Every structure is written in C-alpha cells, then in structure tokens.
Amino acid sequence: ISGINAECPLRPGFERTKWPVLASHLDMMYDDDEDLEYTATCYKDDGNVEYKKGTKEGFIKAIISYTEGLKKNCVNEELNSQLYCNRAAAQFSIGNYRRATQDCEKALEQ
C-alpha cells in the first residue's frame, strides 16, 4: 500500500466500481482519522500533482483534492492556509474568480 501513492495518485471521482481494489487501498490510505494532518497533506500533494498537469480536468481534480484535505479539519493552520491558497489558484485557473477570492480570504484568516 505504501508505494501506491507514488504510482497512482488519488484520482477524485474515479470509477470506484471499475477499480474496487484500488478504491479500498485509497480508503485505507486517506481515511485515517487518527492522523488528520498527514491525510490532509496527502490530499494536498495529490492536488499539486493534478494542478501541475495544467489542464482543466487537472484543475478540477486538484480542487476536489484540496477540498478533501480541508474537510479533515486538521489543526495545522499553515497547512489549511496552503490548501485554501492552492484551491484558489485552481479555481482561478478555470475562471471561478469569486470562489478563488473567497479561498484567498479564508487562507488569510488561518
């Protein structure tokens, strides 16, 4: 399981029924309530991989990953700020300027 992240980053919205074994591995990797900061960091890293693709699909997947990281509600304010900033950049890249601005404001609140 530890090598799966490097070979196959999380693909939010992928067909779980088509890849049930992968889905179960991802659930084990990313649904660890005991280490929310680590899990949020994994989502941030996966979002960064998608964002760097520079495609609309990549930006949308990045937004989903950053959002999932934020949903972990970890106490690390710097990490949360990075997630908001990264999500703002992805939102801006697909023309969602209002949402990008809102995420920038949230990042500053952290």
PDB file of N, CA and C in Angstrom:
ATOM      1  N   ILE A   1       0.827  -1.196   0.000  1.00  0.00           N
ATOM      2  CA  ILE A   1       0.000   0.000   0.000  1.00  0.00           C
ATOM      3  C   ILE A   1       0.865   1.251   0.000  1.00  0.00           C
ATOM      4  N   SER A   2       1.992   1.220   0.674  1.00  0.00           N
ATOM      5  CA  SER A   2       2.789   2.441   0.800  1.00  0.00           C
ATOM      6  C   SER A   2       3.279   2.960  -0.542  1.00  0.00           C
ATOM      7  N   GLY A   3       3.520   2.095  -1.514  1.00  0.00           N
ATOM      8  CA  GLY A   3       4.004   2.545  -2.813  1.00  0.00           C
ATOM      9  C   GLY A   3       2.915   2.962  -3.769  1.00  0.00           C
ATOM     10  N   ILE A   4       1.663   2.720  -3.428  1.00  0.00           N
ATOM     11  CA  ILE A   4       0.578   3.021  -4.356  1.00  0.00           C
ATOM     12  C   ILE A   4       0.433   4.513  -4.606  1.00  0.00           C
ATOM     13  N   ASN A   5       0.731   5.350  -3.600  1.00  0.00           N
ATOM     14  CA  ASN A   5       0.584   6.795  -3.770  1.00  0.00           C
ATOM     15  C   ASN A   5       1.531   7.316  -4.834  1.00  0.00           C
ATOM     16  N   ALA A   6       2.766   6.820  -4.864  1.00  0.00           N
ATOM     17  CA  ALA A   6       3.737   7.293  -5.840  1.00  0.00           C
ATOM     18  C   ALA A   6       3.370   6.829  -7.254  1.00  0.00           C
ATOM     19  N   GLU A   7       2.815   5.636  -7.362  1.00  0.00           N
ATOM     20  CA  GLU A   7       2.499   5.091  -8.672  1.00  0.00           C
ATOM     21  C   GLU A   7       1.126   5.523  -9.181  1.00  0.00           C
ATOM     22  N   CYS A   8       0.214   5.747  -8.294  1.00  0.00           N
ATOM     23  CA  CYS A   8      -1.149   6.073  -8.704  1.00  0.00           C
ATOM     24  C   CYS A   8      -1.756   7.056  -7.723  1.00  0.00           C
ATOM     25  N   PRO A   9      -1.532   8.349  -7.930  1.00  0.00           N
ATOM     26  CA  PRO A   9      -2.082   9.327  -7.003  1.00  0.00           C
ATOM     27  C   PRO A   9      -3.605   9.262  -6.975  1.00  0.00           C
ATOM     28  N   LEU A  10      -4.170   9.730  -5.886  1.00  0.00           N
ATOM     29  CA  LEU A  10      -5.617   9.750  -5.730  1.00  0.00           C
ATOM     30  C   LEU A  10      -6.263  10.469  -6.892  1.00  0.00           C
ATOM     31  N   ARG A  11      -7.240   9.856  -7.449  1.00  0.00           N
ATOM     32  CA  ARG A  11      -7.999  10.448  -8.546  1.00  0.00           C
ATOM     33  C   ARG A  11      -9.415  10.657  -8.064  1.00  0.00           C
ATOM     34  N   PRO A  12      -9.720  11.835  -7.499  1.00  0.00           N
ATOM     35  CA  PRO A  12     -11.084  12.056  -7.017  1.00  0.00           C
ATOM     36  C   PRO A  12     -12.091  11.842  -8.135  1.00  0.00           C
ATOM     37  N   GLY A  13     -13.142  11.149  -7.815  1.00  0.00           N
ATOM     38  CA  GLY A  13     -14.189  10.935  -8.797  1.00  0.00           C
ATOM     39  C   GLY A  13     -13.930   9.757  -9.728  1.00  0.00           C
ATOM     40  N   PHE A  14     -12.837   9.002  -9.497  1.00  0.00           N
ATOM     41  CA  PHE A  14     -12.595   7.863 -10.371  1.00  0.00           C
ATOM     42  C   PHE A  14     -13.671   6.819 -10.145  1.00  0.00           C
ATOM     43  N   GLU A  15     -13.802   5.904 -11.087  1.00  0.00           N
ATOM     44  CA  GLU A  15     -14.871   4.910 -11.017  1.00  0.00           C
ATOM     45  C   GLU A  15     -14.525   3.839  -9.987  1.00  0.00           C
ATOM     46  N   ARG A  16     -15.097   3.986  -8.807  1.00  0.00           N
ATOM     47  CA  ARG A  16     -14.798   3.052  -7.718  1.00  0.00           C
ATOM     48  C   ARG A  16     -15.226   1.623  -8.077  1.00  0.00           C
ATOM     49  N   THR A  17     -16.315   1.488  -8.831  1.00  0.00           N
ATOM     50  CA  THR A  17     -16.781   0.147  -9.182  1.00  0.00           C
ATOM     51  C   THR A  17     -15.869  -0.512 -10.206  1.00  0.00           C
ATOM     52  N   LYS A  18     -15.194   0.280 -11.004  1.00  0.00           N
ATOM     53  CA  LYS A  18     -14.280  -0.266 -12.010  1.00  0.00           C
ATOM     54  C   LYS A  18     -12.973  -0.710 -11.380  1.00  0.00           C
ATOM     55  N   TRP A  19     -12.581  -0.050 -10.301  1.00  0.00           N
ATOM     56  CA  TRP A  19     -11.313  -0.328  -9.633  1.00  0.00           C
ATOM     57  C   TRP A  19     -11.546  -0.572  -8.132  1.00  0.00           C
ATOM     58  N   PRO A  20     -12.255  -1.626  -7.756  1.00  0.00           N
ATOM     59  CA  PRO A  20     -12.602  -1.813  -6.339  1.00  0.00           C
ATOM     60  C   PRO A  20     -11.397  -2.027  -5.426  1.00  0.00           C
ATOM     61  N   VAL A  21     -10.361  -2.713  -5.906  1.00  0.00           N
ATOM     62  CA  VAL A  21      -9.185  -2.947  -5.067  1.00  0.00           C
ATOM     63  C   VAL A  21      -8.462  -1.627  -4.819  1.00  0.00           C
ATOM     64  N   LEU A  22      -8.293  -0.822  -5.865  1.00  0.00           N
ATOM     65  CA  LEU A  22      -7.668   0.485  -5.714  1.00  0.00           C
ATOM     66  C   LEU A  22      -8.491   1.358  -4.778  1.00  0.00           C
ATOM     67  N   ALA A  23      -9.799   1.313  -4.925  1.00  0.00           N
ATOM     68  CA  ALA A  23     -10.669   2.114  -4.063  1.00  0.00           C
ATOM     69  C   ALA A  23     -10.474   1.740  -2.598  1.00  0.00           C
ATOM     70  N   SER A  24     -10.367   0.450  -2.310  1.00  0.00           N
ATOM     71  CA  SER A  24     -10.189   0.032  -0.917  1.00  0.00           C
ATOM     72  C   SER A  24      -8.825   0.445  -0.383  1.00  0.00           C
ATOM     73  N   HIS A  25      -7.792   0.404  -1.236  1.00  0.00           N
ATOM     74  CA  HIS A  25      -6.461   0.853  -0.812  1.00  0.00           C
ATOM     75  C   HIS A  25      -6.473   2.354  -0.520  1.00  0.00           C
ATOM     76  N   LEU A  26      -7.115   3.118  -1.373  1.00  0.00           N
ATOM     77  CA  LEU A  26      -7.187   4.564  -1.164  1.00  0.00           C
ATOM     78  C   LEU A  26      -7.967   4.886   0.100  1.00  0.00           C
ATOM     79  N   ASP A  27      -9.022   4.128   0.351  1.00  0.00           N
ATOM     80  CA  ASP A  27      -9.788   4.338   1.580  1.00  0.00           C
ATOM     81  C   ASP A  27      -8.897   4.123   2.805  1.00  0.00           C
ATOM     82  N   MET A  28      -8.063   3.089   2.748  1.00  0.00           N
ATOM     83  CA  MET A  28      -7.170   2.827   3.875  1.00  0.00           C
ATOM     84  C   MET A  28      -6.120   3.926   4.004  1.00  0.00           C
ATOM     85  N   MET A  29      -5.631   4.429   2.878  1.00  0.00           N
ATOM     86  CA  MET A  29      -4.590   5.451   2.903  1.00  0.00           C
ATOM     87  C   MET A  29      -5.115   6.798   3.372  1.00  0.00           C
ATOM     88  N   TYR A  30      -6.309   7.162   2.952  1.00  0.00           N
ATOM     89  CA  TYR A  30      -6.784   8.524   3.136  1.00  0.00           C
ATOM     90  C   TYR A  30      -7.882   8.682   4.176  1.00  0.00           C
ATOM     91  N   ASP A  31      -8.353   7.641   4.766  1.00  0.00           N
ATOM     92  CA  ASP A  31      -9.407   7.757   5.757  1.00  0.00           C
ATOM     93  C   ASP A  31      -8.894   7.416   7.147  1.00  0.00           C
ATOM     94  N   ASP A  32      -7.768   7.978   7.488  1.00  0.00           N
ATOM     95  CA  ASP A  32      -7.157   7.756   8.789  1.00  0.00           C
ATOM     96  C   ASP A  32      -7.496   8.935   9.697  1.00  0.00           C
ATOM     97  N   ASP A  33      -8.500   8.771  10.521  1.00  0.00           N
ATOM     98  CA  ASP A  33      -8.919   9.847  11.410  1.00  0.00           C
ATOM     99  C   ASP A  33      -7.918  10.107  12.522  1.00  0.00           C
ATOM    100  N   GLU A  34      -6.984   9.189  12.726  1.00  0.00           N
ATOM    101  CA  GLU A  34      -6.016   9.370  13.796  1.00  0.00           C
ATOM    102  C   GLU A  34      -4.925  10.368  13.424  1.00  0.00           C
ATOM    103  N   ASP A  35      -4.635  10.540  12.163  1.00  0.00           N
ATOM    104  CA  ASP A  35      -3.595  11.472  11.742  1.00  0.00           C
ATOM    105  C   ASP A  35      -4.151  12.373  10.645  1.00  0.00           C
ATOM    106  N   LEU A  36      -4.962  13.325  11.059  1.00  0.00           N
ATOM    107  CA  LEU A  36      -5.640  14.202  10.105  1.00  0.00           C
ATOM    108  C   LEU A  36      -4.660  15.065   9.326  1.00  0.00           C
ATOM    109  N   GLU A  37      -3.587  15.494   9.971  1.00  0.00           N
ATOM    110  CA  GLU A  37      -2.604  16.336   9.286  1.00  0.00           C
ATOM    111  C   GLU A  37      -1.925  15.563   8.155  1.00  0.00           C
ATOM    112  N   TYR A  38      -1.549  14.324   8.415  1.00  0.00           N
ATOM    113  CA  TYR A  38      -0.929  13.505   7.376  1.00  0.00           C
ATOM    114  C   TYR A  38      -1.895  13.293   6.209  1.00  0.00           C
ATOM    115  N   THR A  39      -3.132  12.986   6.534  1.00  0.00           N
ATOM    116  CA  THR A  39      -4.134  12.752   5.499  1.00  0.00           C
ATOM    117  C   THR A  39      -4.374  14.012   4.678  1.00  0.00           C
ATOM    118  N   ALA A  40      -4.494  15.154   5.330  1.00  0.00           N
ATOM    119  CA  ALA A  40      -4.686  16.423   4.619  1.00  0.00           C
ATOM    120  C   ALA A  40      -3.481  16.728   3.735  1.00  0.00           C
ATOM    121  N   THR A  41      -2.285  16.422   4.222  1.00  0.00           N
ATOM    122  CA  THR A  41      -1.072  16.629   3.420  1.00  0.00           C
ATOM    123  C   THR A  41      -1.072  15.739   2.184  1.00  0.00           C
ATOM    124  N   CYS A  42      -1.540  14.510   2.328  1.00  0.00           N
ATOM    125  CA  CYS A  42      -1.631  13.608   1.172  1.00  0.00           C
ATOM    126  C   CYS A  42      -2.580  14.175   0.123  1.00  0.00           C
ATOM    127  N   TYR A  43      -3.710  14.688   0.568  1.00  0.00           N
ATOM    128  CA  TYR A  43      -4.651  15.305  -0.379  1.00  0.00           C
ATOM    129  C   TYR A  43      -4.027  16.521  -1.046  1.00  0.00           C
ATOM    130  N   LYS A  44      -3.272  17.315  -0.280  1.00  0.00           N
ATOM    131  CA  LYS A  44      -2.614  18.495  -0.851  1.00  0.00           C
ATOM    132  C   LYS A  44      -1.605  18.060  -1.915  1.00  0.00           C
ATOM    133  N   ASP A  45      -0.816  17.045  -1.602  1.00  0.00           N
ATOM    134  CA  ASP A  45       0.180  16.554  -2.553  1.00  0.00           C
ATOM    135  C   ASP A  45      -0.473  16.020  -3.826  1.00  0.00           C
ATOM    136  N   ASP A  46      -1.569  15.293  -3.658  1.00  0.00           N
ATOM    137  CA  ASP A  46      -2.288  14.780  -4.819  1.00  0.00           C
ATOM    138  C   ASP A  46      -2.867  15.921  -5.657  1.00  0.00           C
ATOM    139  N   GLY A  47      -3.384  16.937  -4.982  1.00  0.00           N
ATOM    140  CA  GLY A  47      -3.891  18.106  -5.692  1.00  0.00           C
ATOM    141  C   GLY A  47      -2.789  18.801  -6.472  1.00  0.00           C
ATOM    142  N   ASN A  48      -1.603  18.877  -5.881  1.00  0.00           N
ATOM    143  CA  ASN A  48      -0.478  19.504  -6.566  1.00  0.00           C
ATOM    144  C   ASN A  48      -0.102  18.754  -7.843  1.00  0.00           C
ATOM    145  N   VAL A  49      -0.152  17.422  -7.781  1.00  0.00           N
ATOM    146  CA  VAL A  49       0.139  16.607  -8.971  1.00  0.00           C
ATOM    147  C   VAL A  49      -0.864  16.931 -10.072  1.00  0.00           C
ATOM    148  N   GLU A  50      -2.133  17.001  -9.704  1.00  0.00           N
ATOM    149  CA  GLU A  50      -3.176  17.298 -10.692  1.00  0.00           C
ATOM    150  C   GLU A  50      -3.043  18.717 -11.232  1.00  0.00           C
ATOM    151  N   TYR A  51      -2.767  19.665 -10.346  1.00  0.00           N
ATOM    152  CA  TYR A  51      -2.656  21.068 -10.768  1.00  0.00           C
ATOM    153  C   TYR A  51      -1.534  21.249 -11.785  1.00  0.00           C
ATOM    154  N   LYS A  52      -0.429  20.577 -11.569  1.00  0.00           N
ATOM    155  CA  LYS A  52       0.742  20.720 -12.444  1.00  0.00           C
ATOM    156  C   LYS A  52       0.494  20.195 -13.854  1.00  0.00           C
ATOM    157  N   LYS A  53      -0.552  19.426 -14.034  1.00  0.00           N
ATOM    158  CA  LYS A  53      -0.885  18.953 -15.383  1.00  0.00           C
ATOM    159  C   LYS A  53      -1.298  20.112 -16.281  1.00  0.00           C
ATOM    160  N   GLY A  54      -1.819  21.179 -15.669  1.00  0.00           N
ATOM    161  CA  GLY A  54      -2.169  22.374 -16.422  1.00  0.00           C
ATOM    162  C   GLY A  54      -3.382  22.243 -17.324  1.00  0.00           C
ATOM    163  N   THR A  55      -4.220  21.254 -17.069  1.00  0.00           N
ATOM    164  CA  THR A  55      -5.425  21.061 -17.864  1.00  0.00           C
ATOM    165  C   THR A  55      -6.648  21.391 -17.024  1.00  0.00           C
ATOM    166  N   LYS A  56      -7.765  21.657 -17.684  1.00  0.00           N
ATOM    167  CA  LYS A  56      -8.995  21.940 -16.946  1.00  0.00           C
ATOM    168  C   LYS A  56      -9.363  20.752 -16.064  1.00  0.00           C
ATOM    169  N   GLU A  57      -9.243  19.562 -16.610  1.00  0.00           N
ATOM    170  CA  GLU A  57      -9.544  18.357 -15.830  1.00  0.00           C
ATOM    171  C   GLU A  57      -8.614  18.260 -14.618  1.00  0.00           C
ATOM    172  N   GLY A  58      -7.349  18.566 -14.812  1.00  0.00           N
ATOM    173  CA  GLY A  58      -6.398  18.540 -13.703  1.00  0.00           C
ATOM    174  C   GLY A  58      -6.740  19.561 -12.639  1.00  0.00           C
ATOM    175  N   PHE A  59      -7.152  20.773 -13.076  1.00  0.00           N
ATOM    176  CA  PHE A  59      -7.523  21.813 -12.117  1.00  0.00           C
ATOM    177  C   PHE A  59      -8.742  21.383 -11.299  1.00  0.00           C
ATOM    178  N   ILE A  60      -9.711  20.778 -11.967  1.00  0.00           N
ATOM    179  CA  ILE A  60     -10.918  20.327 -11.267  1.00  0.00           C
ATOM    180  C   ILE A  60     -10.574  19.230 -10.263  1.00  0.00           C
ATOM    181  N   LYS A  61      -9.730  18.281 -10.663  1.00  0.00           N
ATOM    182  CA  LYS A  61      -9.317  17.226  -9.738  1.00  0.00           C
ATOM    183  C   LYS A  61      -8.514  17.801  -8.579  1.00  0.00           C
ATOM    184  N   ALA A  62      -7.714  18.819  -8.865  1.00  0.00           N
ATOM    185  CA  ALA A  62      -6.952  19.474  -7.794  1.00  0.00           C
ATOM    186  C   ALA A  62      -7.898  20.127  -6.797  1.00  0.00           C
ATOM    187  N   ILE A  63      -8.921  20.803  -7.292  1.00  0.00           N
ATOM    188  CA  ILE A  63      -9.907  21.436  -6.410  1.00  0.00           C
ATOM    189  C   ILE A  63     -10.549  20.392  -5.504  1.00  0.00           C
ATOM    190  N   ILE A  64     -10.891  19.259  -6.068  1.00  0.00           N
ATOM    191  CA  ILE A  64     -11.512  18.186  -5.284  1.00  0.00           C
ATOM    192  C   ILE A  64     -10.539  17.692  -4.208  1.00  0.00           C
ATOM    193  N   SER A  65      -9.278  17.498  -4.579  1.00  0.00           N
ATOM    194  CA  SER A  65      -8.293  17.020  -3.602  1.00  0.00           C
ATOM    195  C   SER A  65      -8.073  18.027  -2.480  1.00  0.00           C
ATOM    196  N   TYR A  66      -7.919  19.304  -2.845  1.00  0.00           N
ATOM    197  CA  TYR A  66      -7.716  20.328  -1.815  1.00  0.00           C
ATOM    198  C   TYR A  66      -8.935  20.420  -0.899  1.00  0.00           C
ATOM    199  N   THR A  67     -10.118  20.296  -1.472  1.00  0.00           N
ATOM    200  CA  THR A  67     -11.343  20.331  -0.673  1.00  0.00           C
ATOM    201  C   THR A  67     -11.384  19.162   0.305  1.00  0.00           C
ATOM    202  N   GLU A  68     -11.010  17.981  -0.164  1.00  0.00           N
ATOM    203  CA  GLU A  68     -10.990  16.808   0.718  1.00  0.00           C
ATOM    204  C   GLU A  68      -9.994  17.017   1.854  1.00  0.00           C
ATOM    205  N   GLY A  69      -8.860  17.639   1.547  1.00  0.00           N
ATOM    206  CA  GLY A  69      -7.889  17.942   2.590  1.00  0.00           C
ATOM    207  C   GLY A  69      -8.453  18.890   3.627  1.00  0.00           C
ATOM    208  N   LEU A  70      -9.177  19.895   3.171  1.00  0.00           N
ATOM    209  CA  LEU A  70      -9.792  20.852   4.091  1.00  0.00           C
ATOM    210  C   LEU A  70     -10.873  20.210   4.954  1.00  0.00           C
ATOM    211  N   LYS A  71     -11.554  19.226   4.405  1.00  0.00           N
ATOM    212  CA  LYS A  71     -12.602  18.538   5.160  1.00  0.00           C
ATOM    213  C   LYS A  71     -12.055  17.779   6.359  1.00  0.00           C
ATOM    214  N   LYS A  72     -10.757  17.522   6.378  1.00  0.00           N
ATOM    215  CA  LYS A  72     -10.155  16.797   7.506  1.00  0.00           C
ATOM    216  C   LYS A  72     -10.079  17.663   8.754  1.00  0.00           C
ATOM    217  N   ASN A  73     -10.240  18.981   8.589  1.00  0.00           N
ATOM    218  CA  ASN A  73     -10.254  19.901   9.733  1.00  0.00           C
ATOM    219  C   ASN A  73      -9.069  19.698  10.671  1.00  0.00           C
ATOM    220  N   CYS A  74      -7.879  19.564  10.101  1.00  0.00           N
ATOM    221  CA  CYS A  74      -6.712  19.400  10.962  1.00  0.00           C
ATOM    222  C   CYS A  74      -6.384  20.739  11.629  1.00  0.00           C
ATOM    223  N   VAL A  75      -5.640  20.689  12.704  1.00  0.00           N
ATOM    224  CA  VAL A  75      -5.369  21.897  13.491  1.00  0.00           C
ATOM    225  C   VAL A  75      -4.177  22.698  12.958  1.00  0.00           C
ATOM    226  N   ASN A  76      -3.492  22.199  11.958  1.00  0.00           N
ATOM    227  CA  ASN A  76      -2.337  22.886  11.394  1.00  0.00           C
ATOM    228  C   ASN A  76      -2.822  24.043  10.510  1.00  0.00           C
ATOM    229  N   GLU A  77      -2.761  25.256  11.033  1.00  0.00           N
ATOM    230  CA  GLU A  77      -3.272  26.424  10.311  1.00  0.00           C
ATOM    231  C   GLU A  77      -2.481  26.710   9.042  1.00  0.00           C
ATOM    232  N   GLU A  78      -1.180  26.471   9.076  1.00  0.00           N
ATOM    233  CA  GLU A  78      -0.348  26.701   7.889  1.00  0.00           C
ATOM    234  C   GLU A  78      -0.762  25.761   6.753  1.00  0.00           C
ATOM    235  N   LEU A  79      -0.989  24.505   7.079  1.00  0.00           N
ATOM    236  CA  LEU A  79      -1.429  23.542   6.069  1.00  0.00           C
ATOM    237  C   LEU A  79      -2.790  23.934   5.512  1.00  0.00           C
ATOM    238  N   ASN A  80      -3.716  24.319   6.381  1.00  0.00           N
ATOM    239  CA  ASN A  80      -5.036  24.732   5.917  1.00  0.00           C
ATOM    240  C   ASN A  80      -4.927  25.958   5.012  1.00  0.00           C
ATOM    241  N   SER A  81      -4.055  26.886   5.363  1.00  0.00           N
ATOM    242  CA  SER A  81      -3.848  28.065   4.541  1.00  0.00           C
ATOM    243  C   SER A  81      -3.312  27.680   3.161  1.00  0.00           C
ATOM    244  N   GLN A  82      -2.380  26.727   3.128  1.00  0.00           N
ATOM    245  CA  GLN A  82      -1.840  26.249   1.853  1.00  0.00           C
ATOM    246  C   GLN A  82      -2.928  25.591   1.010  1.00  0.00           C
ATOM    247  N   LEU A  83      -3.781  24.800   1.653  1.00  0.00           N
ATOM    248  CA  LEU A  83      -4.879  24.158   0.927  1.00  0.00           C
ATOM    249  C   LEU A  83      -5.816  25.193   0.327  1.00  0.00           C
ATOM    250  N   TYR A  84      -6.151  26.231   1.098  1.00  0.00           N
ATOM    251  CA  TYR A  84      -7.013  27.293   0.576  1.00  0.00           C
ATOM    252  C   TYR A  84      -6.325  28.043  -0.572  1.00  0.00           C
ATOM    253  N   CYS A  85      -5.040  28.363  -0.406  1.00  0.00           N
ATOM    254  CA  CYS A  85      -4.313  29.078  -1.465  1.00  0.00           C
ATOM    255  C   CYS A  85      -4.233  28.247  -2.742  1.00  0.00           C
ATOM    256  N   ASN A  86      -3.916  26.977  -2.570  1.00  0.00           N
ATOM    257  CA  ASN A  86      -3.809  26.104  -3.744  1.00  0.00           C
ATOM    258  C   ASN A  86      -5.162  25.949  -4.434  1.00  0.00           C
ATOM    259  N   ARG A  87      -6.199  25.804  -3.626  1.00  0.00           N
ATOM    260  CA  ARG A  87      -7.531  25.677  -4.223  1.00  0.00           C
ATOM    261  C   ARG A  87      -7.920  26.968  -4.927  1.00  0.00           C
ATOM    262  N   ALA A  88      -7.534  28.106  -4.357  1.00  0.00           N
ATOM    263  CA  ALA A  88      -7.806  29.393  -5.006  1.00  0.00           C
ATOM    264  C   ALA A  88      -7.121  29.465  -6.367  1.00  0.00           C
ATOM    265  N   ALA A  89      -5.883  29.007  -6.439  1.00  0.00           N
ATOM    266  CA  ALA A  89      -5.152  29.027  -7.717  1.00  0.00           C
ATOM    267  C   ALA A  89      -5.842  28.142  -8.750  1.00  0.00           C
ATOM    268  N   ALA A  90      -6.304  26.980  -8.317  1.00  0.00           N
ATOM    269  CA  ALA A  90      -7.002  26.079  -9.243  1.00  0.00           C
ATOM    270  C   ALA A  90      -8.337  26.676  -9.676  1.00  0.00           C
ATOM    271  N   GLN A  91      -9.057  27.267  -8.730  1.00  0.00           N
ATOM    272  CA  GLN A  91     -10.331  27.921  -9.071  1.00  0.00           C
ATOM    273  C   GLN A  91     -10.093  29.048 -10.076  1.00  0.00           C
ATOM    274  N   PHE A  92      -9.068  29.839  -9.836  1.00  0.00           N
ATOM    275  CA  PHE A  92      -8.738  30.943 -10.739  1.00  0.00           C
ATOM    276  C   PHE A  92      -8.410  30.414 -12.132  1.00  0.00           C
ATOM    277  N   SER A  93      -7.706  29.295 -12.184  1.00  0.00           N
ATOM    278  CA  SER A  93      -7.276  28.721 -13.462  1.00  0.00           C
ATOM    279  C   SER A  93      -8.430  28.271 -14.344  1.00  0.00           C
ATOM    280  N   ILE A  94      -9.579  27.980 -13.734  1.00  0.00           N
ATOM    281  CA  ILE A  94     -10.740  27.587 -14.548  1.00  0.00           C
ATOM    282  C   ILE A  94     -11.780  28.693 -14.609  1.00  0.00           C
ATOM    283  N   GLY A  95     -11.413  29.883 -14.132  1.00  0.00           N
ATOM    284  CA  GLY A  95     -12.299  31.033 -14.274  1.00  0.00           C
ATOM    285  C   GLY A  95     -13.291  31.241 -13.161  1.00  0.00           C
ATOM    286  N   ASN A  96     -13.142  30.534 -12.061  1.00  0.00           N
ATOM    287  CA  ASN A  96     -14.030  30.712 -10.909  1.00  0.00           C
ATOM    288  C   ASN A  96     -13.438  31.789 -10.000  1.00  0.00           C
ATOM    289  N   TYR A  97     -13.512  33.034 -10.454  1.00  0.00           N
ATOM    290  CA  TYR A  97     -12.827  34.124  -9.771  1.00  0.00           C
ATOM    291  C   TYR A  97     -13.421  34.432  -8.399  1.00  0.00           C
ATOM    292  N   ARG A  98     -14.721  34.354  -8.257  1.00  0.00           N
ATOM    293  CA  ARG A  98     -15.348  34.629  -6.965  1.00  0.00           C
ATOM    294  C   ARG A  98     -14.924  33.585  -5.931  1.00  0.00           C
ATOM    295  N   ARG A  99     -14.958  32.325  -6.326  1.00  0.00           N
ATOM    296  CA  ARG A  99     -14.538  31.272  -5.396  1.00  0.00           C
ATOM    297  C   ARG A  99     -13.050  31.387  -5.075  1.00  0.00           C
ATOM    298  N   ALA A 100     -12.257  31.780  -6.059  1.00  0.00           N
ATOM    299  CA  ALA A 100     -10.825  31.977  -5.823  1.00  0.00           C
ATOM    300  C   ALA A 100     -10.613  33.076  -4.778  1.00  0.00           C
ATOM    301  N   THR A 101     -11.351  34.161  -4.908  1.00  0.00           N
ATOM    302  CA  THR A 101     -11.239  35.266  -3.958  1.00  0.00           C
ATOM    303  C   THR A 101     -11.655  34.821  -2.561  1.00  0.00           C
ATOM    304  N   GLN A 102     -12.747  34.059  -2.474  1.00  0.00           N
ATOM    305  CA  GLN A 102     -13.223  33.567  -1.173  1.00  0.00           C
ATOM    306  C   GLN A 102     -12.159  32.666  -0.509  1.00  0.00           C
ATOM    307  N   ASP A 103     -11.527  31.823  -1.310  1.00  0.00           N
ATOM    308  CA  ASP A 103     -10.494  30.951  -0.749  1.00  0.00           C
ATOM    309  C   ASP A 103      -9.272  31.750  -0.297  1.00  0.00           C
ATOM    310  N   CYS A 104      -8.929  32.794  -1.037  1.00  0.00           N
ATOM    311  CA  CYS A 104      -7.814  33.676  -0.614  1.00  0.00           C
ATOM    312  C   CYS A 104      -8.128  34.319   0.737  1.00  0.00           C
ATOM    313  N   GLU A 105      -9.350  34.768   0.886  1.00  0.00           N
ATOM    314  CA  GLU A 105      -9.751  35.385   2.153  1.00  0.00           C
ATOM    315  C   GLU A 105      -9.682  34.380   3.304  1.00  0.00           C
ATOM    316  N   LYS A 106     -10.121  33.158   3.052  1.00  0.00           N
ATOM    317  CA  LYS A 106     -10.064  32.122   4.088  1.00  0.00           C
ATOM    318  C   LYS A 106      -8.623  31.782   4.440  1.00  0.00           C
ATOM    319  N   ALA A 107      -7.766  31.786   3.443  1.00  0.00           N
ATOM    320  CA  ALA A 107      -6.353  31.495   3.699  1.00  0.00           C
ATOM    321  C   ALA A 107      -5.745  32.536   4.625  1.00  0.00           C
ATOM    322  N   LEU A 108      -6.132  33.774   4.440  1.00  0.00           N
ATOM    323  CA  LEU A 108      -5.604  34.864   5.272  1.00  0.00           C
ATOM    324  C   LEU A 108      -6.131  34.796   6.700  1.00  0.00           C
ATOM    325  N   GLU A 109      -7.290  34.186   6.894  1.00  0.00           N
ATOM    326  CA  GLU A 109      -7.890  34.063   8.223  1.00  0.00           C
ATOM    327  C   GLU A 109      -7.181  33.017   9.071  1.00  0.00           C
ATOM    328  N   GLN A 110      -6.480  32.114   8.439  1.00  0.00           N
ATOM    329  CA  GLN A 110      -5.850  30.996   9.151  1.00  0.00           C
ATOM    330  C   GLN A 110      -4.736  31.474  10.069  1.00  0.00           C
TER     331      GLN A 110
END
